[in-house]
Protein backbone atom coordinates (compact mmCIF):
# COMPACT_ATOMS: atom_id res chain seq x y z
CA MET A 1 188.92 133.97 120.62
CA ILE A 2 191.20 130.82 121.50
CA ASP A 3 193.69 129.23 119.27
CA PRO A 4 191.92 126.05 118.48
CA VAL A 5 195.87 124.46 118.54
CA ALA A 6 197.31 126.72 120.79
CA PRO A 7 199.48 124.07 123.23
CA LEU A 8 197.26 123.65 126.41
CA ALA A 9 199.11 123.12 129.69
CA LEU A 10 198.46 120.06 131.49
CA GLU A 11 196.40 119.71 134.85
CA THR A 12 197.22 118.03 137.71
CA ASP A 13 193.98 119.03 140.00
CA GLU A 14 191.43 115.72 138.88
CA THR A 15 188.65 117.61 140.37
CA ALA A 16 188.70 120.59 137.79
CA LEU A 17 188.18 118.58 134.73
CA GLY A 18 185.38 116.51 136.31
CA LEU A 19 186.99 113.79 137.83
CA ARG A 20 187.84 112.26 141.09
CA ARG A 21 191.03 109.95 142.55
CA ALA A 22 190.79 106.66 143.68
CA VAL A 23 193.23 104.01 144.43
CA ALA A 24 192.90 99.99 143.24
CA ARG A 25 194.49 97.47 145.18
CA THR A 26 195.43 94.93 142.32
CA ASP A 27 197.18 91.56 141.27
CA VAL A 28 200.40 94.19 139.96
CA GLY A 29 200.08 96.37 143.48
CA GLU A 30 198.45 99.45 143.42
CA ILE A 31 196.84 101.24 140.88
CA VAL A 32 195.86 104.94 141.17
CA VAL A 33 192.89 106.21 138.88
CA ARG A 34 191.24 109.03 137.74
CA VAL A 35 187.86 108.40 137.04
CA GLY A 36 184.85 110.43 136.55
CA ARG A 37 182.07 111.98 134.39
CA PRO A 38 179.40 109.22 134.08
CA ALA A 39 177.29 108.98 131.07
CA GLY A 40 176.06 106.26 131.11
CA GLY A 41 179.12 103.96 129.28
CA PRO A 42 180.93 102.40 127.57
CA ALA A 43 184.11 103.64 129.21
CA THR A 44 187.01 105.68 128.29
CA ILE A 45 189.61 104.32 128.65
CA LEU A 46 193.08 106.68 128.73
CA LEU A 47 196.56 105.06 128.45
CA HIS A 48 199.71 106.93 129.31
CA GLY A 49 203.34 106.22 128.12
CA ALA A 50 206.40 105.73 129.60
CA ALA A 51 207.68 108.79 131.74
CA GLY A 52 204.25 110.30 131.96
CA SER A 53 200.58 109.75 134.29
CA TRP A 54 197.17 110.21 133.71
CA THR A 55 198.23 114.35 133.15
CA THR A 56 199.37 113.06 129.87
CA TRP A 57 195.43 113.29 128.43
CA THR A 58 194.45 116.52 130.59
CA PRO A 59 194.84 118.77 127.63
CA LEU A 60 192.76 116.35 125.50
CA LEU A 61 189.66 116.04 128.23
CA ARG A 62 189.84 120.16 127.74
CA ALA A 63 190.32 120.45 124.62
CA ALA A 64 186.96 117.97 123.99
CA ASP A 65 185.06 119.77 126.53
CA ARG A 66 186.07 123.22 124.38
CA ALA A 67 184.59 121.51 121.13
CA GLY A 68 181.56 120.30 122.44
CA THR A 69 182.38 116.80 122.86
CA PRO A 70 183.21 115.71 126.12
CA LEU A 71 184.80 112.45 126.92
CA THR A 72 182.46 110.80 129.31
CA ASP A 73 182.93 107.66 131.37
CA VAL A 74 186.88 108.17 132.58
CA ILE A 75 189.04 105.74 133.99
CA ALA A 76 192.48 107.51 133.59
CA PRO A 77 195.23 105.09 135.47
CA ASP A 78 198.89 105.74 136.61
CA LEU A 79 200.60 103.07 135.08
CA PRO A 80 201.91 100.26 137.55
CA GLY A 81 205.41 102.09 138.24
CA TRP A 82 204.68 105.35 136.68
CA GLY A 83 203.05 108.54 138.49
CA GLU A 84 201.80 107.86 141.96
CA SER A 85 201.06 103.66 141.71
CA GLY A 86 202.19 101.50 143.50
CA GLY A 87 203.91 97.98 142.00
CA GLY A 88 207.17 97.79 139.59
CA VAL A 89 206.69 97.44 135.80
CA GLY A 90 205.06 94.37 134.78
CA SER A 91 204.39 92.96 131.62
CA VAL A 92 201.85 93.77 128.77
CA ALA A 93 199.71 90.85 129.41
CA GLU A 94 199.86 91.31 133.49
CA ILE A 95 198.33 95.36 133.04
CA SER A 96 195.57 94.29 130.16
CA VAL A 97 194.57 92.12 132.60
CA THR A 98 194.34 94.33 135.47
CA LEU A 99 193.26 97.12 133.43
CA ALA A 100 189.83 94.59 132.17
CA THR A 101 188.97 93.67 135.61
CA LEU A 102 189.66 97.45 136.58
CA ALA A 103 187.01 98.61 134.71
CA ARG A 104 184.83 95.62 135.02
CA SER A 105 185.01 96.87 139.28
CA LEU A 106 183.99 100.26 137.82
CA GLY A 107 180.73 99.25 136.39
CA TYR A 108 181.11 98.76 132.93
CA GLU A 109 181.84 96.27 130.45
CA SER A 110 182.57 97.56 127.54
CA TRP A 111 185.09 100.30 127.09
CA ARG A 112 186.89 102.59 124.18
CA ILE A 113 190.84 103.16 124.73
CA ALA A 114 193.30 105.89 123.36
CA GLY A 115 196.68 104.78 124.33
CA HIS A 116 200.06 106.92 123.73
CA SER A 117 203.36 104.86 123.29
CA LEU A 118 203.41 102.40 125.58
CA GLY A 119 199.97 103.22 125.76
CA GLY A 120 199.80 102.16 122.99
CA LEU A 121 200.86 98.90 122.77
CA ILE A 122 199.39 98.01 125.91
CA ALA A 123 195.38 99.24 123.87
CA LEU A 124 196.45 96.91 121.23
CA ASP A 125 197.19 93.73 123.69
CA LEU A 126 193.67 94.77 125.71
CA ALA A 127 192.02 94.92 122.69
CA ALA A 128 193.11 91.31 121.55
CA ARG A 129 192.54 90.10 125.02
CA GLU A 130 188.72 91.40 125.63
CA PRO A 131 187.40 91.63 121.64
CA ARG A 132 183.80 92.07 122.60
CA ALA A 133 184.24 94.69 125.17
CA THR A 134 186.26 96.99 122.95
CA ILE A 135 184.67 99.36 121.40
CA GLY A 136 187.58 101.33 119.55
CA VAL A 137 191.03 101.56 119.71
CA ALA A 138 193.00 105.83 118.87
CA LEU A 139 196.42 105.18 119.36
CA VAL A 140 198.77 107.67 119.73
CA SER A 141 202.73 107.30 118.55
CA PRO A 142 202.38 104.29 119.80
CA THR A 143 205.04 101.72 120.46
CA GLY A 144 205.29 99.08 117.82
CA ALA A 145 207.08 97.10 115.95
CA GLY A 146 209.94 98.96 115.03
CA VAL A 147 210.27 100.22 119.02
CA LEU A 148 210.35 96.41 119.78
CA ASP A 149 213.34 95.64 117.08
CA ALA A 150 215.02 98.73 118.48
CA ILE A 151 214.84 97.35 122.12
CA ARG A 152 216.32 93.57 120.85
CA ARG A 153 218.55 94.78 118.05
CA PRO A 154 220.34 98.61 119.47
CA VAL A 155 222.58 99.05 116.83
CA ARG A 156 219.94 98.31 113.67
CA GLY A 157 217.75 100.52 115.60
CA GLY A 158 220.17 102.98 115.87
CA VAL A 159 220.21 103.94 112.64
CA LEU A 160 216.37 103.49 111.98
CA LEU A 161 215.06 105.29 115.56
CA PRO A 162 218.09 107.30 116.93
CA GLY A 163 215.61 109.43 118.59
CA PHE A 164 214.08 106.23 120.91
CA ALA A 165 217.67 104.95 120.64
CA GLY A 166 219.33 107.54 122.04
CA MET A 167 216.56 108.19 124.66
CA LEU A 168 216.94 104.08 125.46
CA LEU A 169 220.92 104.75 125.89
CA ALA A 170 220.30 108.11 128.26
CA MET A 171 217.98 106.09 130.68
CA ARG A 172 219.46 102.91 131.00
CA ILE A 173 222.96 105.67 131.69
CA LEU A 174 220.66 108.06 134.01
CA SER A 175 219.28 104.55 136.50
CA ARG A 176 222.93 103.90 137.07
CA VAL A 177 223.89 107.62 138.32
CA GLY A 178 220.37 108.66 140.58
CA GLY A 179 218.92 109.20 137.54
CA ARG A 180 215.48 110.98 138.77
CA THR A 181 217.43 113.82 141.02
CA VAL A 182 219.71 114.40 137.69
CA VAL A 183 216.87 114.78 134.91
CA ARG A 184 215.43 117.45 137.81
CA GLY A 185 218.97 119.03 138.12
CA LEU A 186 218.81 119.32 134.59
CA HIS A 187 215.22 120.83 134.88
CA ARG A 188 216.25 123.82 137.49
CA LEU A 189 218.72 124.34 135.14
CA GLY A 190 216.70 125.57 132.41
CA TRP A 191 218.61 122.42 130.00
CA LEU A 192 216.03 119.97 129.95
CA ALA A 193 213.64 121.52 127.24
CA ALA A 194 216.49 121.25 124.68
CA LEU A 195 217.79 117.57 125.82
CA SER A 196 214.22 116.65 125.89
CA ALA A 197 213.29 117.56 121.86
CA PRO A 198 213.35 115.03 120.46
CA LEU A 199 210.88 113.10 121.80
CA PHE A 200 208.61 115.77 120.44
CA ARG A 201 207.42 117.68 116.88
CA ASP A 202 207.47 120.59 117.64
CA GLY A 203 209.33 121.04 120.91
CA SER A 204 208.67 125.09 120.34
CA ARG A 205 204.95 125.29 121.31
CA VAL A 206 205.45 122.20 123.89
CA ASP A 207 203.71 124.20 127.15
CA ALA A 208 206.08 124.93 130.11
CA SER A 209 203.69 122.33 132.23
CA VAL A 210 205.14 119.40 130.54
CA ILE A 211 208.39 119.93 130.45
CA ALA A 212 208.06 120.22 134.52
CA ALA A 213 206.13 116.83 134.61
CA LEU A 214 208.50 115.45 132.72
CA ALA A 215 211.07 116.57 135.05
CA ASP A 216 208.75 115.05 137.56
CA GLU A 217 207.99 111.61 136.18
CA VAL A 218 210.42 110.38 134.67
CA ARG A 219 211.74 107.16 135.98
CA PRO A 220 215.10 105.91 134.69
CA THR A 221 215.03 102.73 135.75
CA ALA A 222 211.34 102.04 135.09
CA PHE A 223 211.84 102.91 131.60
CA SER A 224 215.00 100.64 131.58
CA HIS A 225 212.87 97.76 132.73
CA ALA A 226 210.13 98.42 130.98
CA ALA A 227 212.13 98.46 127.78
């Protein structure tokens, strides 16, 4: 019997999930996106957070399939500056407009949005800009007022949100000392799992593939710019 709450590994092969890789040229640079599972719409737009990529959502896709409620008409982009997408980290407004244009270029006039962390903030902005096209929004640990306040007021943020404040400080330091190389070195030494534990509700239940993806996808400079 399958444990319904067992952690699932990230999937990096889009074809295994019935998706295909596409590249869209946009005003904010080339965006790599995974699309597929057509069922007549509306679209299901999946927006990952900082230091993530489209693979963030692959356990959800697997779990939904197992539950008999598959997600369809999927649009899962690597946001600008993350994953395989080019360009720098643009403003939330620029990204929202780009995503709406991308969805329409794929033939969708309406959509549901799920956003994690930074993707949650973008999801809310996109919904506010496109209220008629947006059917629903689901947020997973979204960037919100507390995080924005911690960015503006680091001292108070360190007290109220020590996990995020510490992560932002670490990213800013790493961006000055060869960030990604250092993070990958920590992963090879086996230390990254322990150091990243504050990012997760229960680090003991995080699949090893998530830590490996973090080592590969983290962008300290991009994270600092996003903040």
